[in-house]
PDB file of N, CA and C in Angstrom:
ATOM      1  N   MET A   1    -244.371  96.548 147.960  1.00  0.00           N
ATOM      2  CA  MET A   1    -244.125  97.546 149.110  1.00  0.00           C
ATOM      3  C   MET A   1    -243.597  96.727 150.276  1.00  0.00           C
ATOM      4  N   ILE A   2    -242.961  97.516 151.119  1.00  0.00           N
ATOM      5  CA  ILE A   2    -242.421  96.941 152.320  1.00  0.00           C
ATOM      6  C   ILE A   2    -243.559  96.517 153.274  1.00  0.00           C
ATOM      7  N   ASP A   3    -243.480  95.261 153.713  1.00  0.00           N
ATOM      8  CA  ASP A   3    -244.507  94.702 154.689  1.00  0.00           C
ATOM      9  C   ASP A   3    -244.017  94.853 156.083  1.00  0.00           C
ATOM     10  N   SER A   4    -244.808  95.453 156.916  1.00  0.00           N
ATOM     11  CA  SER A   4    -244.328  95.819 158.318  1.00  0.00           C
ATOM     12  C   SER A   4    -244.267  94.554 159.047  1.00  0.00           C
ATOM     13  N   ALA A   5    -244.853  93.360 158.694  1.00  0.00           N
ATOM     14  CA  ALA A   5    -244.627  92.023 159.372  1.00  0.00           C
ATOM     15  C   ALA A   5    -243.313  91.636 159.176  1.00  0.00           C
ATOM     16  N   THR A   6    -242.460  92.072 158.344  1.00  0.00           N
ATOM     17  CA  THR A   6    -241.134  91.699 158.210  1.00  0.00           C
ATOM     18  C   THR A   6    -240.229  92.497 158.896  1.00  0.00           C
ATOM     19  N   VAL A   7    -240.757  93.537 159.545  1.00  0.00           N
ATOM     20  CA  VAL A   7    -239.864  94.510 160.357  1.00  0.00           C
ATOM     21  C   VAL A   7    -240.098  94.296 161.796  1.00  0.00           C
ATOM     22  N   SER A   8    -239.037  93.687 162.520  1.00  0.00           N
ATOM     23  CA  SER A   8    -239.058  93.486 163.899  1.00  0.00           C
ATOM     24  C   SER A   8    -238.681  94.621 164.796  1.00  0.00           C
ATOM     25  N   LEU A   9    -239.645  95.292 165.728  1.00  0.00           N
ATOM     26  CA  LEU A   9    -239.355  96.263 166.591  1.00  0.00           C
ATOM     27  C   LEU A   9    -238.352  95.941 167.492  1.00  0.00           C
ATOM     28  N   ASN A  10    -238.177  94.554 167.945  1.00  0.00           N
ATOM     29  CA  ASN A  10    -237.313  93.992 168.954  1.00  0.00           C
ATOM     30  C   ASN A  10    -235.924  94.120 168.437  1.00  0.00           C
ATOM     31  N   PHE A  11    -235.851  93.886 167.156  1.00  0.00           N
ATOM     32  CA  PHE A  11    -234.469  93.942 166.362  1.00  0.00           C
ATOM     33  C   PHE A  11    -234.095  95.370 166.382  1.00  0.00           C
ATOM     34  N   ILE A  12    -234.957  96.317 166.013  1.00  0.00           N
ATOM     35  CA  ILE A  12    -234.636  97.695 165.876  1.00  0.00           C
ATOM     36  C   ILE A  12    -234.091  98.197 167.265  1.00  0.00           C
ATOM     37  N   LYS A  13    -234.610  97.647 168.325  1.00  0.00           N
ATOM     38  CA  LYS A  13    -234.282  98.242 169.705  1.00  0.00           C
ATOM     39  C   LYS A  13    -232.839  97.690 169.908  1.00  0.00           C
ATOM     40  N   LYS A  14    -232.339  96.770 169.238  1.00  0.00           N
ATOM     41  CA  LYS A  14    -230.909  96.196 169.498  1.00  0.00           C
ATOM     42  C   LYS A  14    -230.012  96.647 168.397  1.00  0.00           C
ATOM     43  N   GLU A  15    -230.415  96.615 167.128  1.00  0.00           N
ATOM     44  CA  GLU A  15    -229.597  96.684 166.049  1.00  0.00           C
ATOM     45  C   GLU A  15    -230.136  97.511 165.001  1.00  0.00           C
ATOM     46  N   VAL A  16    -229.344  97.946 164.001  1.00  0.00           N
ATOM     47  CA  VAL A  16    -229.819  98.705 162.824  1.00  0.00           C
ATOM     48  C   VAL A  16    -230.470  97.757 161.821  1.00  0.00           C
ATOM     49  N   PHE A  17    -231.649  98.098 161.385  1.00  0.00           N
ATOM     50  CA  PHE A  17    -232.478  97.211 160.416  1.00  0.00           C
ATOM     51  C   PHE A  17    -232.302  97.822 159.084  1.00  0.00           C
ATOM     52  N   THR A  18    -231.850  97.280 158.040  1.00  0.00           N
ATOM     53  CA  THR A  18    -231.620  97.715 156.789  1.00  0.00           C
ATOM     54  C   THR A  18    -232.372  96.920 155.744  1.00  0.00           C
ATOM     55  N   GLY A  19    -232.529  97.544 154.658  1.00  0.00           N
ATOM     56  CA  GLY A  19    -233.223  96.597 153.397  1.00  0.00           C
ATOM     57  C   GLY A  19    -233.172  97.772 152.254  1.00  0.00           C
ATOM     58  N   SER A  20    -233.751  97.105 151.226  1.00  0.00           N
ATOM     59  CA  SER A  20    -234.021  97.907 150.022  1.00  0.00           C
ATOM     60  C   SER A  20    -235.328  97.334 149.370  1.00  0.00           C
ATOM     61  N   TYR A  21    -235.866  98.226 148.434  1.00  0.00           N
ATOM     62  CA  TYR A  21    -236.983  97.933 147.680  1.00  0.00           C
ATOM     63  C   TYR A  21    -236.834  98.666 146.251  1.00  0.00           C
ATOM     64  N   SER A  22    -236.730  97.865 145.282  1.00  0.00           N
ATOM     65  CA  SER A  22    -236.809  98.551 143.933  1.00  0.00           C
ATOM     66  C   SER A  22    -235.994  99.854 143.695  1.00  0.00           C
ATOM     67  N   GLY A  23    -234.886  99.851 144.169  1.00  0.00           N
ATOM     68  CA  GLY A  23    -234.025 101.040 143.910  1.00  0.00           C
ATOM     69  C   GLY A  23    -233.895 102.019 145.075  1.00  0.00           C
ATOM     70  N   MET A  24    -234.653 101.763 146.060  1.00  0.00           N
ATOM     71  CA  MET A  24    -234.814 102.624 147.494  1.00  0.00           C
ATOM     72  C   MET A  24    -234.130 101.780 148.497  1.00  0.00           C
ATOM     73  N   ARG A  25    -233.069 102.211 148.958  1.00  0.00           N
ATOM     74  CA  ARG A  25    -232.364 101.579 150.188  1.00  0.00           C
ATOM     75  C   ARG A  25    -233.080 102.241 151.579  1.00  0.00           C
ATOM     76  N   TYR A  26    -233.202 101.514 152.627  1.00  0.00           N
ATOM     77  CA  TYR A  26    -233.669 102.153 153.911  1.00  0.00           C
ATOM     78  C   TYR A  26    -233.179 101.503 155.161  1.00  0.00           C
ATOM     79  N   ARG A  27    -233.222 102.200 156.131  1.00  0.00           N
ATOM     80  CA  ARG A  27    -232.456 102.005 157.338  1.00  0.00           C
ATOM     81  C   ARG A  27    -233.462 102.509 158.468  1.00  0.00           C
ATOM     82  N   LEU A  28    -233.652 101.482 159.515  1.00  0.00           N
ATOM     83  CA  LEU A  28    -234.449 101.892 160.801  1.00  0.00           C
ATOM     84  C   LEU A  28    -233.521 101.680 161.907  1.00  0.00           C
ATOM     85  N   GLU A  29    -233.496 102.545 162.834  1.00  0.00           N
ATOM     86  CA  GLU A  29    -232.579 102.365 163.849  1.00  0.00           C
ATOM     87  C   GLU A  29    -233.184 103.209 165.185  1.00  0.00           C
ATOM     88  N   LYS A  30    -232.655 102.633 166.280  1.00  0.00           N
ATOM     89  CA  LYS A  30    -233.049 103.237 167.483  1.00  0.00           C
ATOM     90  C   LYS A  30    -232.267 104.619 167.803  1.00  0.00           C
ATOM     91  N   CYS A  31    -232.993 105.652 168.113  1.00  0.00           N
ATOM     92  CA  CYS A  31    -232.293 106.897 168.185  1.00  0.00           C
ATOM     93  C   CYS A  31    -233.076 107.531 169.500  1.00  0.00           C
ATOM     94  N   ASN A  32    -232.363 107.510 170.747  1.00  0.00           N
ATOM     95  CA  ASN A  32    -232.651 107.746 171.997  1.00  0.00           C
ATOM     96  C   ASN A  32    -234.091 106.977 172.192  1.00  0.00           C
ATOM     97  N   ASP A  33    -235.065 107.612 172.359  1.00  0.00           N
ATOM     98  CA  ASP A  33    -236.543 106.759 172.378  1.00  0.00           C
ATOM     99  C   ASP A  33    -237.251 106.844 171.202  1.00  0.00           C
ATOM    100  N   ASN A  34    -236.595 106.935 170.140  1.00  0.00           N
ATOM    101  CA  ASN A  34    -237.552 107.015 168.806  1.00  0.00           C
ATOM    102  C   ASN A  34    -236.882 106.004 167.770  1.00  0.00           C
ATOM    103  N   ILE A  35    -237.568 105.745 166.636  1.00  0.00           N
ATOM    104  CA  ILE A  35    -237.145 105.049 165.537  1.00  0.00           C
ATOM    105  C   ILE A  35    -236.824 106.095 164.542  1.00  0.00           C
ATOM    106  N   LYS A  36    -235.549 106.008 163.997  1.00  0.00           N
ATOM    107  CA  LYS A  36    -235.290 106.898 162.872  1.00  0.00           C
ATOM    108  C   LYS A  36    -235.366 106.157 161.633  1.00  0.00           C
ATOM    109  N   ALA A  37    -235.972 106.707 160.618  1.00  0.00           N
ATOM    110  CA  ALA A  37    -236.107 106.107 159.432  1.00  0.00           C
ATOM    111  C   ALA A  37    -235.439 106.837 158.325  1.00  0.00           C
ATOM    112  N   TRP A  38    -234.557 106.253 157.545  1.00  0.00           N
ATOM    113  CA  TRP A  38    -233.775 106.839 156.487  1.00  0.00           C
ATOM    114  C   TRP A  38    -234.157 106.077 155.143  1.00  0.00           C
ATOM    115  N   VAL A  39    -234.045 106.878 153.961  1.00  0.00           N
ATOM    116  CA  VAL A  39    -234.280 106.341 152.711  1.00  0.00           C
ATOM    117  C   VAL A  39    -233.012 107.081 151.822  1.00  0.00           C
ATOM    118  N   TRP A  40    -232.614 106.241 150.801  1.00  0.00           N
ATOM    119  CA  TRP A  40    -231.658 106.952 149.914  1.00  0.00           C
ATOM    120  C   TRP A  40    -231.646 105.921 148.654  1.00  0.00           C
ATOM    121  N   PRO A  41    -231.243 106.502 147.517  1.00  0.00           N
ATOM    122  CA  PRO A  41    -231.221 105.716 146.301  1.00  0.00           C
ATOM    123  C   PRO A  41    -229.933 104.714 146.320  1.00  0.00           C
ATOM    124  N   GLU A  42    -230.200 103.718 145.660  1.00  0.00           N
ATOM    125  CA  GLU A  42    -229.099 102.631 145.424  1.00  0.00           C
ATOM    126  C   GLU A  42    -228.100 103.367 144.522  1.00  0.00           C
ATOM    127  N   PRO A  43    -226.899 103.013 144.532  1.00  0.00           N
ATOM    128  CA  PRO A  43    -226.313 101.619 144.680  1.00  0.00           C
ATOM    129  C   PRO A  43    -225.550 101.466 145.887  1.00  0.00           C
ATOM    130  N   TYR A  44    -225.230 102.593 146.591  1.00  0.00           N
ATOM    131  CA  TYR A  44    -224.382 102.775 147.845  1.00  0.00           C
ATOM    132  C   TYR A  44    -224.965 102.439 149.126  1.00  0.00           C
ATOM    133  N   ASN A  45    -224.223 101.981 150.154  1.00  0.00           N
ATOM    134  CA  ASN A  45    -224.638 101.682 151.409  1.00  0.00           C
ATOM    135  C   ASN A  45    -224.773 103.016 152.065  1.00  0.00           C
ATOM    136  N   PHE A  46    -225.245 103.140 153.229  1.00  0.00           N
ATOM    137  CA  PHE A  46    -225.540 104.358 154.060  1.00  0.00           C
ATOM    138  C   PHE A  46    -224.404 105.190 154.214  1.00  0.00           C
ATOM    139  N   ILE A  47    -223.341 104.422 154.544  1.00  0.00           N
ATOM    140  CA  ILE A  47    -221.996 105.292 154.909  1.00  0.00           C
ATOM    141  C   ILE A  47    -221.449 106.050 153.582  1.00  0.00           C
ATOM    142  N   LYS A  48    -221.466 105.325 152.458  1.00  0.00           N
ATOM    143  CA  LYS A  48    -220.949 105.753 151.309  1.00  0.00           C
ATOM    144  C   LYS A  48    -221.739 106.629 150.507  1.00  0.00           C
ATOM    145  N   THR A  49    -223.093 107.001 150.877  1.00  0.00           N
ATOM    146  CA  THR A  49    -224.014 107.802 150.201  1.00  0.00           C
ATOM    147  C   THR A  49    -223.727 109.254 150.647  1.00  0.00           C
ATOM    148  N   GLU A  50    -223.874 110.062 149.860  1.00  0.00           N
ATOM    149  CA  GLU A  50    -223.923 111.517 150.047  1.00  0.00           C
ATOM    150  C   GLU A  50    -224.890 111.875 151.080  1.00  0.00           C
ATOM    151  N   GLU A  51    -224.693 112.856 151.934  1.00  0.00           N
ATOM    152  CA  GLU A  51    -225.889 113.351 152.972  1.00  0.00           C
ATOM    153  C   GLU A  51    -227.087 113.790 152.360  1.00  0.00           C
ATOM    154  N   SER A  52    -226.613 114.586 151.146  1.00  0.00           N
ATOM    155  CA  SER A  52    -227.651 115.206 150.544  1.00  0.00           C
ATOM    156  C   SER A  52    -228.645 114.230 149.746  1.00  0.00           C
ATOM    157  N   LEU A  53    -228.387 113.097 149.553  1.00  0.00           N
ATOM    158  CA  LEU A  53    -229.247 112.068 148.970  1.00  0.00           C
ATOM    159  C   LEU A  53    -230.103 111.364 149.964  1.00  0.00           C
ATOM    160  N   LYS A  54    -229.819 111.531 151.301  1.00  0.00           N
ATOM    161  CA  LYS A  54    -230.534 110.843 152.356  1.00  0.00           C
ATOM    162  C   LYS A  54    -231.766 111.697 152.874  1.00  0.00           C
ATOM    163  N   THR A  55    -232.746 111.059 153.123  1.00  0.00           N
ATOM    164  CA  THR A  55    -234.109 111.733 153.714  1.00  0.00           C
ATOM    165  C   THR A  55    -234.366 110.807 155.014  1.00  0.00           C
ATOM    166  N   SER A  56    -234.765 111.489 156.119  1.00  0.00           N
ATOM    167  CA  SER A  56    -234.996 110.756 157.348  1.00  0.00           C
ATOM    168  C   SER A  56    -236.343 111.407 158.013  1.00  0.00           C
ATOM    169  N   GLU A  57    -236.793 110.590 158.956  1.00  0.00           N
ATOM    170  CA  GLU A  57    -237.927 111.109 159.818  1.00  0.00           C
ATOM    171  C   GLU A  57    -237.800 110.188 161.053  1.00  0.00           C
ATOM    172  N   GLU A  58    -238.373 110.729 162.054  1.00  0.00           N
ATOM    173  CA  GLU A  58    -238.388 109.877 163.402  1.00  0.00           C
ATOM    174  C   GLU A  58    -239.900 109.580 163.726  1.00  0.00           C
ATOM    175  N   PHE A  59    -240.039 108.586 164.611  1.00  0.00           N
ATOM    176  CA  PHE A  59    -241.094 107.935 164.928  1.00  0.00           C
ATOM    177  C   PHE A  59    -241.000 107.377 166.433  1.00  0.00           C
ATOM    178  N   PRO A  60    -242.133 107.320 167.136  1.00  0.00           N
ATOM    179  CA  PRO A  60    -241.939 106.663 168.412  1.00  0.00           C
ATOM    180  C   PRO A  60    -241.453 105.196 168.469  1.00  0.00           C
ATOM    181  N   LEU A  61    -240.649 104.870 169.464  1.00  0.00           N
ATOM    182  CA  LEU A  61    -240.074 103.436 169.662  1.00  0.00           C
ATOM    183  C   LEU A  61    -241.291 102.735 170.224  1.00  0.00           C
ATOM    184  N   THR A  62    -242.295 102.428 169.408  1.00  0.00           N
ATOM    185  CA  THR A  62    -243.381 101.555 169.850  1.00  0.00           C
ATOM    186  C   THR A  62    -243.982 100.787 168.640  1.00  0.00           C
ATOM    187  N   MET A  63    -244.844  99.813 168.714  1.00  0.00           N
ATOM    188  CA  MET A  63    -245.376  99.262 167.666  1.00  0.00           C
ATOM    189  C   MET A  63    -245.987 100.052 166.752  1.00  0.00           C
ATOM    190  N   GLU A  64    -246.832 101.183 167.237  1.00  0.00           N
ATOM    191  CA  GLU A  64    -247.465 101.935 166.367  1.00  0.00           C
ATOM    192  C   GLU A  64    -246.466 102.957 165.579  1.00  0.00           C
ATOM    193  N   GLY A  65    -245.341 103.290 166.327  1.00  0.00           N
ATOM    194  CA  GLY A  65    -244.317 103.952 165.696  1.00  0.00           C
ATOM    195  C   GLY A  65    -243.645 103.134 164.547  1.00  0.00           C
ATOM    196  N   LYS A  66    -243.547 101.798 164.733  1.00  0.00           N
ATOM    197  CA  LYS A  66    -242.939 101.070 163.623  1.00  0.00           C
ATOM    198  C   LYS A  66    -243.814 100.974 162.591  1.00  0.00           C
ATOM    199  N   GLU A  67    -245.181 100.815 162.763  1.00  0.00           N
ATOM    200  CA  GLU A  67    -246.133 100.920 161.773  1.00  0.00           C
ATOM    201  C   GLU A  67    -246.028 102.155 160.918  1.00  0.00           C
ATOM    202  N   GLU A  68    -245.902 103.282 161.627  1.00  0.00           N
ATOM    203  CA  GLU A  68    -245.861 104.655 160.956  1.00  0.00           C
ATOM    204  C   GLU A  68    -244.529 104.802 160.233  1.00  0.00           C
ATOM    205  N   ALA A  69    -243.335 104.282 160.658  1.00  0.00           N
ATOM    206  CA  ALA A  69    -242.051 104.292 160.015  1.00  0.00           C
ATOM    207  C   ALA A  69    -242.124 103.555 158.754  1.00  0.00           C
ATOM    208  N   VAL A  70    -242.790 102.293 158.768  1.00  0.00           N
ATOM    209  CA  VAL A  70    -243.034 101.470 157.555  1.00  0.00           C
ATOM    210  C   VAL A  70    -243.874 102.086 156.615  1.00  0.00           C
ATOM    211  N   ALA A  71    -244.987 102.707 156.904  1.00  0.00           N
ATOM    212  CA  ALA A  71    -245.915 103.438 156.124  1.00  0.00           C
ATOM    213  C   ALA A  71    -245.102 104.663 155.576  1.00  0.00           C
ATOM    214  N   TRP A  72    -244.272 105.341 156.304  1.00  0.00           N
ATOM    215  CA  TRP A  72    -243.585 106.466 155.696  1.00  0.00           C
ATOM    216  C   TRP A  72    -242.468 106.022 154.625  1.00  0.00           C
ATOM    217  N   LEU A  73    -241.917 104.869 154.910  1.00  0.00           N
ATOM    218  CA  LEU A  73    -240.976 104.236 153.921  1.00  0.00           C
ATOM    219  C   LEU A  73    -241.893 104.031 152.630  1.00  0.00           C
ATOM    220  N   ASN A  74    -243.002 103.426 152.603  1.00  0.00           N
ATOM    221  CA  ASN A  74    -243.756 103.164 151.450  1.00  0.00           C
ATOM    222  C   ASN A  74    -244.106 104.482 150.797  1.00  0.00           C
ATOM    223  N   GLU A  75    -244.545 105.429 151.579  1.00  0.00           N
ATOM    224  CA  GLU A  75    -244.799 106.854 151.063  1.00  0.00           C
ATOM    225  C   GLU A  75    -243.817 107.374 150.236  1.00  0.00           C
ATOM    226  N   GLN A  76    -242.497 107.324 150.750  1.00  0.00           N
ATOM    227  CA  GLN A  76    -241.247 107.764 150.188  1.00  0.00           C
ATOM    228  C   GLN A  76    -241.133 107.143 148.916  1.00  0.00           C
ATOM    229  N   TYR A  77    -241.349 105.776 148.801  1.00  0.00           N
ATOM    230  CA  TYR A  77    -241.191 104.984 147.434  1.00  0.00           C
ATOM    231  C   TYR A  77    -242.070 105.478 146.389  1.00  0.00           C
ATOM    232  N   VAL A  78    -243.352 105.750 146.876  1.00  0.00           N
ATOM    233  CA  VAL A  78    -244.504 106.179 145.903  1.00  0.00           C
ATOM    234  C   VAL A  78    -244.203 107.720 145.469  1.00  0.00           C
ATOM    235  N   ALA A  79    -243.767 108.599 146.456  1.00  0.00           N
ATOM    236  CA  ALA A  79    -243.573 109.919 146.123  1.00  0.00           C
ATOM    237  C   ALA A  79    -242.262 110.056 145.250  1.00  0.00           C
ATOM    238  N   ARG A  80    -241.337 109.236 145.199  1.00  0.00           N
ATOM    239  CA  ARG A  80    -240.161 109.359 144.619  1.00  0.00           C
ATOM    240  C   ARG A  80    -239.789 108.105 143.664  1.00  0.00           C
ATOM    241  N   GLU A  81    -240.886 107.496 143.147  1.00  0.00           N
ATOM    242  CA  GLU A  81    -240.592 106.222 142.399  1.00  0.00           C
ATOM    243  C   GLU A  81    -239.821 106.479 141.183  1.00  0.00           C
ATOM    244  N   LYS A  82    -239.987 107.632 140.543  1.00  0.00           N
ATOM    245  CA  LYS A  82    -239.163 107.776 139.452  1.00  0.00           C
ATOM    246  C   LYS A  82    -237.505 107.763 139.642  1.00  0.00           C
ATOM    247  N   LEU A  83    -237.176 108.399 140.728  1.00  0.00           N
ATOM    248  CA  LEU A  83    -235.887 108.274 141.123  1.00  0.00           C
ATOM    249  C   LEU A  83    -235.477 106.896 141.401  1.00  0.00           C
ATOM    250  N   TRP A  84    -236.187 106.094 142.290  1.00  0.00           N
ATOM    251  CA  TRP A  84    -235.878 104.816 142.613  1.00  0.00           C
ATOM    252  C   TRP A  84    -235.765 103.833 141.327  1.00  0.00           C
ATOM    253  N   SER A  85    -236.798 104.004 140.502  1.00  0.00           N
ATOM    254  CA  SER A  85    -236.728 103.147 139.268  1.00  0.00           C
ATOM    255  C   SER A  85    -235.567 103.536 138.334  1.00  0.00           C
ATOM    256  N   SER A  86    -235.100 104.773 138.335  1.00  0.00           N
ATOM    257  CA  SER A  86    -234.039 105.180 137.568  1.00  0.00           C
ATOM    258  C   SER A  86    -232.601 104.535 137.984  1.00  0.00           C
ATOM    259  N   VAL A  87    -232.396 104.156 139.144  1.00  0.00           N
ATOM    260  CA  VAL A  87    -231.161 103.566 139.715  1.00  0.00           C
ATOM    261  C   VAL A  87    -231.247 101.993 139.902  1.00  0.00           C
ATOM    262  N   ASN A  88    -232.692 101.547 139.931  1.00  0.00           N
ATOM    263  CA  ASN A  88    -232.802 100.138 140.249  1.00  0.00           C
ATOM    264  C   ASN A  88    -231.849  99.096 139.411  1.00  0.00           C
ATOM    265  N   GLY A  89    -231.071  98.427 140.004  1.00  0.00           N
ATOM    266  CA  GLY A  89    -230.445  97.294 139.115  1.00  0.00           C
ATOM    267  C   GLY A  89    -229.262  97.928 138.198  1.00  0.00           C
ATOM    268  N   LYS A  90    -229.015  99.073 138.173  1.00  0.00           N
ATOM    269  CA  LYS A  90    -227.971  99.669 137.271  1.00  0.00           C
ATOM    270  C   LYS A  90    -226.677  99.457 137.812  1.00  0.00           C
ATOM    271  N   PRO A  91    -225.766  99.295 136.945  1.00  0.00           N
ATOM    272  CA  PRO A  91    -224.403  99.257 137.444  1.00  0.00           C
ATOM    273  C   PRO A  91    -223.809 100.668 138.002  1.00  0.00           C
ATOM    274  N   LEU A  92    -222.874 100.606 138.896  1.00  0.00           N
ATOM    275  CA  LEU A  92    -222.248 101.760 139.402  1.00  0.00           C
ATOM    276  C   LEU A  92    -221.910 102.839 138.530  1.00  0.00           C
ATOM    277  N   LEU A  93    -221.194 102.391 137.468  1.00  0.00           N
ATOM    278  CA  LEU A  93    -220.705 103.402 136.469  1.00  0.00           C
ATOM    279  C   LEU A  93    -221.754 103.959 135.655  1.00  0.00           C
ATOM    280  N   THR A  94    -222.953 103.334 135.513  1.00  0.00           N
ATOM    281  CA  THR A  94    -224.099 104.302 134.741  1.00  0.00           C
ATOM    282  C   THR A  94    -224.699 105.204 135.615  1.00  0.00           C
ATOM    283  N   ILE A  95    -224.538 105.127 136.980  1.00  0.00           N
ATOM    284  CA  ILE A  95    -225.468 106.041 137.754  1.00  0.00           C
ATOM    285  C   ILE A  95    -224.651 107.324 138.142  1.00  0.00           C
ATOM    286  N   MET A  96    -223.332 107.194 138.359  1.00  0.00           N
ATOM    287  CA  MET A  96    -222.573 108.309 138.885  1.00  0.00           C
ATOM    288  C   MET A  96    -221.733 108.971 137.772  1.00  0.00           C
TER     289      MET A  96
END
């Protein structure tokens, strides 16, 4: 699972924070006074992934909000683990 200790709130305030976990890609970014969290399946990056495959949620731009965002990412992984594992580590041509 994603460890909130590896996610820096100060980084999110200045830059987009991205990562992946076992087939699930994620993105945390500052959006007005909130953190917007996104998840989508591998293999493509955020820009190349179809909008219909992306899911997002917003949280306050605070330490508590960061914790909630990471918890949401982990919830998304558990809820859709079958999807993430079906694309994890597979070459592009076998997925699309």
